[in-house]
Protein backbone atom coordinates (compact mmCIF):
# COMPACT_ATOMS: atom_id res chain seq x y z
CA MET A 1 -24.36 5.76 19.45
CA ARG A 2 -26.69 8.72 18.87
CA ILE A 3 -23.73 10.89 17.91
CA VAL A 4 -22.65 8.31 15.32
CA LEU A 5 -26.16 8.40 13.85
CA TRP A 6 -26.20 12.21 13.71
CA SER A 7 -22.69 12.26 12.25
CA SER A 8 -23.54 9.61 9.64
CA GLY A 9 -26.58 11.61 8.60
CA ALA A 10 -24.38 14.69 8.31
CA LEU A 11 -21.91 12.82 6.08
CA LEU A 12 -24.71 11.75 3.73
CA THR A 13 -26.26 15.23 3.77
CA GLY A 14 -22.91 16.87 3.04
CA PHE A 15 -22.33 14.55 0.09
CA VAL A 16 -25.76 15.33 -1.38
CA LEU A 17 -25.23 19.09 -0.87
CA ASP A 18 -21.90 18.89 -2.65
CA MET A 19 -23.41 16.94 -5.56
CA ILE A 20 -26.16 19.57 -5.92
CA PHE A 21 -24.40 22.86 -5.20
CA GLY A 22 -20.65 22.27 -5.46
CA ASP A 23 -18.76 25.32 -4.23
CA PRO A 24 -20.77 28.46 -5.12
CA TYR A 25 -18.53 31.36 -6.10
CA GLY A 26 -18.27 34.04 -3.40
CA PHE A 27 -19.68 31.71 -0.74
CA PRO A 28 -17.54 31.36 2.43
CA HIS A 29 -15.39 28.25 2.20
CA ILE A 30 -13.27 26.51 4.82
CA VAL A 31 -10.52 25.56 2.34
CA ARG A 32 -10.00 29.22 1.44
CA TRP A 33 -9.74 29.99 5.16
CA MET A 34 -7.18 27.22 5.48
CA GLY A 35 -5.25 28.68 2.56
CA SER A 36 -5.19 32.15 4.11
CA PHE A 37 -4.03 30.73 7.45
CA ILE A 38 -1.23 28.76 5.76
CA ALA A 39 -0.18 31.74 3.63
CA ALA A 40 0.07 33.95 6.73
CA LEU A 41 2.31 31.44 8.51
CA ASP A 42 4.31 30.87 5.32
CA LYS A 43 5.41 34.52 5.45
CA ARG A 44 6.41 34.42 9.11
CA LEU A 45 8.06 31.05 9.77
CA PRO A 46 11.75 30.28 9.07
CA ARG A 47 12.50 28.53 5.76
CA THR A 48 13.85 25.44 7.49
CA VAL A 49 12.68 21.90 8.22
CA PHE A 50 11.84 23.06 11.76
CA GLY A 51 9.77 25.92 10.36
CA GLY A 52 7.88 23.44 8.17
CA VAL A 53 7.22 21.15 11.13
CA LEU A 54 5.93 24.13 13.09
CA LEU A 55 3.65 25.02 10.18
CA VAL A 56 2.17 21.51 10.24
CA ILE A 57 1.68 21.53 14.03
CA LEU A 58 0.00 24.94 14.11
CA THR A 59 -2.32 24.39 11.16
CA THR A 60 -3.41 20.85 12.06
CA SER A 61 -3.91 21.78 15.71
CA PHE A 62 -6.10 24.76 14.86
CA TYR A 63 -8.13 23.21 12.04
CA THR A 64 -8.69 19.94 13.87
CA GLY A 65 -9.08 21.29 17.39
CA LEU A 66 -11.59 24.03 16.55
CA PRO A 67 -14.11 21.89 14.63
CA PHE A 68 -13.72 19.05 17.15
CA THR A 69 -14.48 21.39 20.05
CA LEU A 70 -17.45 23.04 18.32
CA LEU A 71 -18.94 19.74 17.21
CA SER A 72 -18.45 18.16 20.64
CA LEU A 73 -20.25 21.04 22.34
CA CYS A 74 -23.07 21.04 19.80
CA TYR A 75 -23.66 17.29 19.99
CA ARG A 76 -23.59 17.40 23.77
CA PHE A 77 -26.08 20.21 24.24
CA VAL A 78 -27.99 20.61 20.93
CA PRO A 79 -27.49 17.52 18.71
CA SER A 80 -29.47 19.03 15.83
CA ALA A 81 -27.05 21.97 15.75
CA GLY A 82 -24.16 19.51 15.59
CA TYR A 83 -25.84 17.80 12.64
CA VAL A 84 -26.23 21.13 10.80
CA LEU A 85 -22.64 22.20 11.48
CA GLU A 86 -21.17 18.83 10.50
CA SER A 87 -23.30 18.68 7.35
CA PHE A 88 -21.95 22.09 6.35
CA LEU A 89 -18.36 21.01 7.02
CA CYS A 90 -18.75 17.72 5.13
CA TRP A 91 -20.20 19.63 2.17
CA GLN A 92 -17.19 21.96 2.10
CA LEU A 93 -14.62 19.20 2.56
CA LEU A 94 -15.79 17.40 -0.59
CA ALA A 95 -15.13 18.53 -4.15
CA VAL A 96 -17.13 16.21 -6.38
CA LYS A 97 -19.24 18.67 -8.34
CA GLN A 98 -16.75 21.55 -8.32
CA LEU A 99 -14.07 19.35 -9.84
CA LYS A 100 -16.49 18.48 -12.62
CA VAL A 101 -17.55 22.12 -13.07
CA GLU A 102 -13.97 23.38 -13.43
CA SER A 103 -12.85 20.58 -15.73
CA MET A 104 -15.96 20.99 -17.90
CA LYS A 105 -15.00 24.62 -18.48
CA VAL A 106 -11.88 23.27 -20.16
CA TYR A 107 -14.00 20.81 -22.14
CA HIS A 108 -16.37 23.49 -23.46
CA SER A 109 -13.45 25.76 -24.39
CA LEU A 110 -11.94 22.92 -26.41
CA LEU A 111 -15.24 22.30 -28.17
CA LYS A 112 -15.17 25.96 -29.27
CA ASN A 113 -11.55 25.53 -30.43
CA ASP A 114 -10.64 28.43 -28.15
CA LEU A 115 -7.21 27.29 -26.93
CA GLY A 116 -6.52 30.60 -25.19
CA GLU A 117 -9.61 30.24 -23.03
CA ALA A 118 -8.91 26.53 -22.51
CA ARG A 119 -5.39 27.32 -21.24
CA LYS A 120 -6.80 29.88 -18.80
CA ASN A 121 -9.41 27.44 -17.55
CA VAL A 122 -7.00 24.53 -17.12
CA ALA A 123 -4.57 26.84 -15.31
CA MET A 124 -7.21 27.20 -12.58
CA ILE A 125 -7.01 23.50 -11.71
CA VAL A 126 -3.37 22.52 -12.35
CA GLY A 127 -0.02 23.69 -11.00
CA ARG A 128 1.98 23.22 -14.21
CA ASP A 129 2.79 25.87 -16.81
CA THR A 130 -0.06 26.08 -19.32
CA ALA A 131 0.89 28.93 -21.66
CA MET A 132 2.42 26.66 -24.32
CA LEU A 133 0.09 23.66 -24.05
CA ASP A 134 -1.56 22.45 -27.25
CA GLU A 135 -5.03 20.86 -27.39
CA LYS A 136 -3.76 17.43 -26.36
CA GLY A 137 -1.67 18.88 -23.55
CA ILE A 138 -4.63 20.84 -22.20
CA THR A 139 -6.88 17.79 -22.33
CA ARG A 140 -4.24 15.61 -20.69
CA ALA A 141 -3.82 18.11 -17.86
CA ALA A 142 -7.58 18.23 -17.22
CA VAL A 143 -7.95 14.43 -17.26
CA GLU A 144 -4.97 13.98 -14.92
CA THR A 145 -6.41 16.50 -12.47
CA VAL A 146 -9.80 14.79 -12.39
CA ALA A 147 -8.15 11.38 -11.95
CA GLU A 148 -5.81 12.48 -9.15
CA ASN A 149 -8.46 14.49 -7.33
CA ALA A 150 -10.89 11.59 -7.38
CA SER A 151 -8.83 10.51 -4.38
CA ASP A 152 -7.75 13.87 -2.91
CA GLY A 153 -11.12 15.60 -3.28
CA VAL A 154 -13.56 12.73 -2.86
CA THR A 155 -12.40 9.36 -1.54
CA ALA A 156 -9.85 10.54 1.03
CA PRO A 157 -12.10 13.16 2.71
CA LEU A 158 -14.95 10.65 2.86
CA LEU A 159 -12.75 8.04 4.50
CA PHE A 160 -11.41 10.43 7.13
CA ILE A 161 -14.90 11.72 7.85
CA MET A 162 -16.03 8.10 8.17
CA LEU A 163 -13.34 7.40 10.77
CA GLY A 164 -13.48 10.58 12.82
CA GLY A 165 -16.24 12.85 11.60
CA ALA A 166 -15.77 16.27 10.05
CA ALA A 167 -12.98 17.15 12.50
CA LEU A 168 -10.76 14.38 11.11
CA GLY A 169 -11.88 15.38 7.63
CA CYS A 170 -10.60 18.89 8.38
CA LEU A 171 -7.26 17.41 9.46
CA TYR A 172 -6.92 15.69 6.11
CA LYS A 173 -8.02 18.74 4.13
CA VAL A 174 -5.66 21.18 5.82
CA VAL A 175 -2.71 18.83 5.27
CA ASN A 176 -3.70 18.38 1.63
CA THR A 177 -4.02 22.16 1.24
CA MET A 178 -0.61 22.69 2.84
CA ASP A 179 0.97 20.23 0.45
CA SER A 180 -0.56 22.01 -2.55
CA MET A 181 0.81 25.36 -1.29
CA VAL A 182 4.25 24.54 0.13
CA GLY A 183 5.02 20.98 -0.95
CA TYR A 184 7.25 21.99 -3.87
CA LYS A 185 10.81 20.82 -4.40
CA ASN A 186 12.17 24.22 -5.32
CA GLU A 187 14.63 26.53 -3.59
CA ASN A 188 11.96 28.22 -1.49
CA TYR A 189 10.09 25.14 -0.26
CA LEU A 190 12.52 22.21 -0.49
CA HIS A 191 13.10 22.14 3.29
CA PHE A 192 10.17 24.19 4.54
CA GLY A 193 7.53 22.12 2.72
CA ARG A 194 9.00 18.71 3.44
CA ALA A 195 6.96 17.93 6.57
CA ALA A 196 3.67 18.86 4.89
CA ALA A 197 4.51 16.82 1.79
CA LYS A 198 5.53 13.72 3.77
CA LEU A 199 2.43 13.89 5.99
CA ASP A 200 0.22 14.31 2.93
CA ASP A 201 1.84 11.22 1.37
CA ALA A 202 1.15 9.24 4.55
CA LEU A 203 -2.49 10.33 4.83
CA ASN A 204 -3.17 9.58 1.17
CA TYR A 205 -1.48 6.17 1.08
CA LEU A 206 -4.56 4.02 1.75
CA PRO A 207 -7.24 6.32 0.25
CA SER A 208 -5.43 6.57 -3.11
CA ARG A 209 -5.23 2.80 -3.39
CA LEU A 210 -8.83 2.25 -2.35
CA CYS A 211 -9.93 4.90 -4.85
CA ALA A 212 -7.93 3.18 -7.60
CA LEU A 213 -9.63 -0.15 -6.87
CA LEU A 214 -13.08 1.46 -6.80
CA MET A 215 -12.37 3.20 -10.11
CA ILE A 216 -11.37 -0.15 -11.62
CA ALA A 217 -14.64 -1.67 -10.38
CA ALA A 218 -16.58 1.30 -11.76
CA ALA A 219 -14.93 1.09 -15.19
CA PHE A 220 -16.84 -2.11 -16.12
CA PRO A 221 -20.44 -0.84 -15.70
CA LEU A 222 -19.47 2.50 -17.27
CA GLY A 223 -18.48 0.72 -20.48
CA LEU A 224 -14.79 1.55 -20.07
CA ASN A 225 -11.89 -0.90 -20.24
CA GLY A 226 -11.78 -2.37 -16.75
CA LYS A 227 -9.21 -5.02 -17.67
CA ASP A 228 -6.72 -2.47 -18.98
CA ALA A 229 -7.49 -0.22 -16.01
CA PHE A 230 -6.29 -3.00 -13.71
CA ARG A 231 -3.34 -3.94 -15.95
CA VAL A 232 -2.04 -0.39 -16.31
CA TRP A 233 -2.60 0.28 -12.61
CA ARG A 234 -0.42 -2.68 -11.66
CA ARG A 235 2.28 -1.64 -14.10
CA ASP A 236 2.33 2.17 -13.82
CA ARG A 237 0.98 2.99 -10.34
CA TYR A 238 4.42 4.05 -9.05
CA LYS A 239 5.46 6.13 -12.08
CA HIS A 240 5.32 9.39 -10.13
CA ALA A 241 7.46 11.21 -7.59
CA SER A 242 4.56 10.84 -5.17
CA PRO A 243 3.75 7.28 -4.05
CA ASN A 244 0.04 8.08 -4.43
CA SER A 245 -0.66 10.34 -7.42
CA ALA A 246 -0.13 7.72 -10.14
CA GLN A 247 -2.50 5.24 -8.48
CA THR A 248 -5.68 6.80 -9.88
CA GLU A 249 -4.00 8.32 -12.93
CA ALA A 250 -2.89 4.85 -14.03
CA VAL A 251 -6.41 3.48 -13.63
CA CYS A 252 -7.88 6.35 -15.64
CA ALA A 253 -5.28 5.99 -18.39
CA GLY A 254 -5.94 2.26 -18.70
CA ALA A 255 -9.72 2.59 -18.57
CA LEU A 256 -9.72 5.26 -21.29
CA GLY A 257 -6.96 3.71 -23.41
CA ILE A 258 -4.84 6.87 -23.41
CA ARG A 259 -1.40 7.98 -22.26
CA LEU A 260 -1.05 10.51 -19.45
CA ALA A 261 1.83 12.33 -17.69
CA GLY A 262 5.18 12.63 -19.50
CA PRO A 263 7.40 15.76 -19.57
CA ILE A 264 5.77 18.68 -17.70
CA SER A 265 6.90 22.28 -17.19
CA TYR A 266 6.80 23.87 -13.73
CA PHE A 267 7.89 27.47 -13.14
CA GLY A 268 9.63 27.54 -16.52
CA LYS A 269 11.59 24.30 -15.99
CA THR A 270 10.70 21.07 -17.76
CA GLN A 271 10.61 17.92 -15.66
CA ASP A 272 11.08 14.68 -17.58
CA LYS A 273 8.35 12.55 -15.99
CA PRO A 274 7.56 9.03 -17.25
CA TYR A 275 4.43 8.37 -19.26
CA ILE A 276 1.49 6.54 -17.68
CA GLY A 277 -0.69 4.27 -19.77
CA ASP A 278 -0.60 3.16 -23.42
CA GLU A 279 -1.45 5.43 -26.31
CA THR A 280 -3.89 3.04 -27.97
CA ARG A 281 -5.59 6.12 -29.40
CA PRO A 282 -5.04 9.90 -29.32
CA ILE A 283 -6.44 11.72 -26.32
CA GLN A 284 -9.50 13.87 -27.08
CA ALA A 285 -11.79 16.33 -25.31
CA ASP A 286 -14.44 13.66 -24.62
CA ASP A 287 -11.95 11.96 -22.30
CA ILE A 288 -12.63 14.75 -19.80
CA LEU A 289 -16.27 13.61 -19.72
CA LYS A 290 -15.25 9.97 -19.23
CA ALA A 291 -12.79 10.85 -16.46
CA ASN A 292 -15.56 12.73 -14.65
CA ARG A 293 -17.93 9.78 -14.91
CA LEU A 294 -15.23 7.57 -13.44
CA MET A 295 -14.64 10.06 -10.62
CA TYR A 296 -18.37 10.32 -9.83
CA ALA A 297 -18.77 6.55 -9.78
CA ALA A 298 -15.80 6.16 -7.44
CA GLY A 299 -17.31 8.83 -5.17
CA VAL A 300 -20.66 7.03 -4.95
CA LEU A 301 -18.94 3.70 -4.26
CA THR A 302 -16.84 5.33 -1.52
CA LEU A 303 -19.98 6.82 0.02
CA LEU A 304 -21.61 3.38 0.08
CA PHE A 305 -18.48 1.95 1.70
CA THR A 306 -18.53 4.63 4.41
CA ILE A 307 -22.23 4.08 5.13
CA PHE A 308 -21.83 0.31 5.46
CA PHE A 309 -18.80 0.87 7.69
CA ARG A 310 -20.75 3.20 9.98
CA LEU A 311 -23.68 0.74 10.09
CA GLY A 312 -21.26 -2.00 11.08
CA VAL A 313 -19.90 0.17 13.90
CA LEU A 314 -23.42 0.84 15.15
CA ARG A 315 -24.31 -2.83 15.04
CA LEU A 316 -21.19 -3.78 17.01
CA ALA A 317 -21.92 -1.08 19.55
CA ALA A 318 -25.44 -2.45 20.01
CA ILE A 319 -24.22 -5.97 20.83
């Protein structure tokens, strides 16, 4: 029970640290370490389904086993040290403020009518080709990224931390990082990245849907269109190759009254993706601000959910 209290305090502390500091540039970060680890294995493993499975086993074993061992030892012998370590990990596993910081760079570039700078800034947060994007395309890319990462960078890590502490949060984050690095359906990664992509889909299945529902709930007090958020979510939530990505994108599109997705270029090849939402008005730079407000609200609601869940666990344990 004491460990749950320490761990719950660490979760709250990590969330507050992320809201205040984000991810300072040049500061050591566990996700960058994960990326380097994955990149090293990517160069050495065979480009087969078996190689991809081996990648998943090695990365998840290391990045779940190591934090679990360190936290277990700390909580057993020096609980305060466990609290500090887990707070640090929770901070780094979340991406609330940094997502806002990076998307707001795009927003400010658009306000200056500097499309060249805006393309460079949006290229830092999306995987699509950005060189030929116009103002609407740049804005759409930024809004989609905020909407999708409301689940990947906020709700999902919080839920996994809630269930199993920072160690389980690390499991989620390393799988999500793997998917972003090798989960492409191109010649190089079609077979090799399949295991990571499928596992990422499985881990995000419930968090993406919970995040969508929380975003719908948040739309009403934020003065956005909650009714259309729910309507478009029901209609368009599966209009994506991933079973999860369109969940929050559909909510955002409905809440803002804009149309997202559509044809997108990756590695010089255009993919004819379906549109999400209704174009009741043209998309504009201010929609990046609104998407961030929706993401922040969903993050706070998820945090409250995790706290009440942990309190319920403690109460049951005390009976």
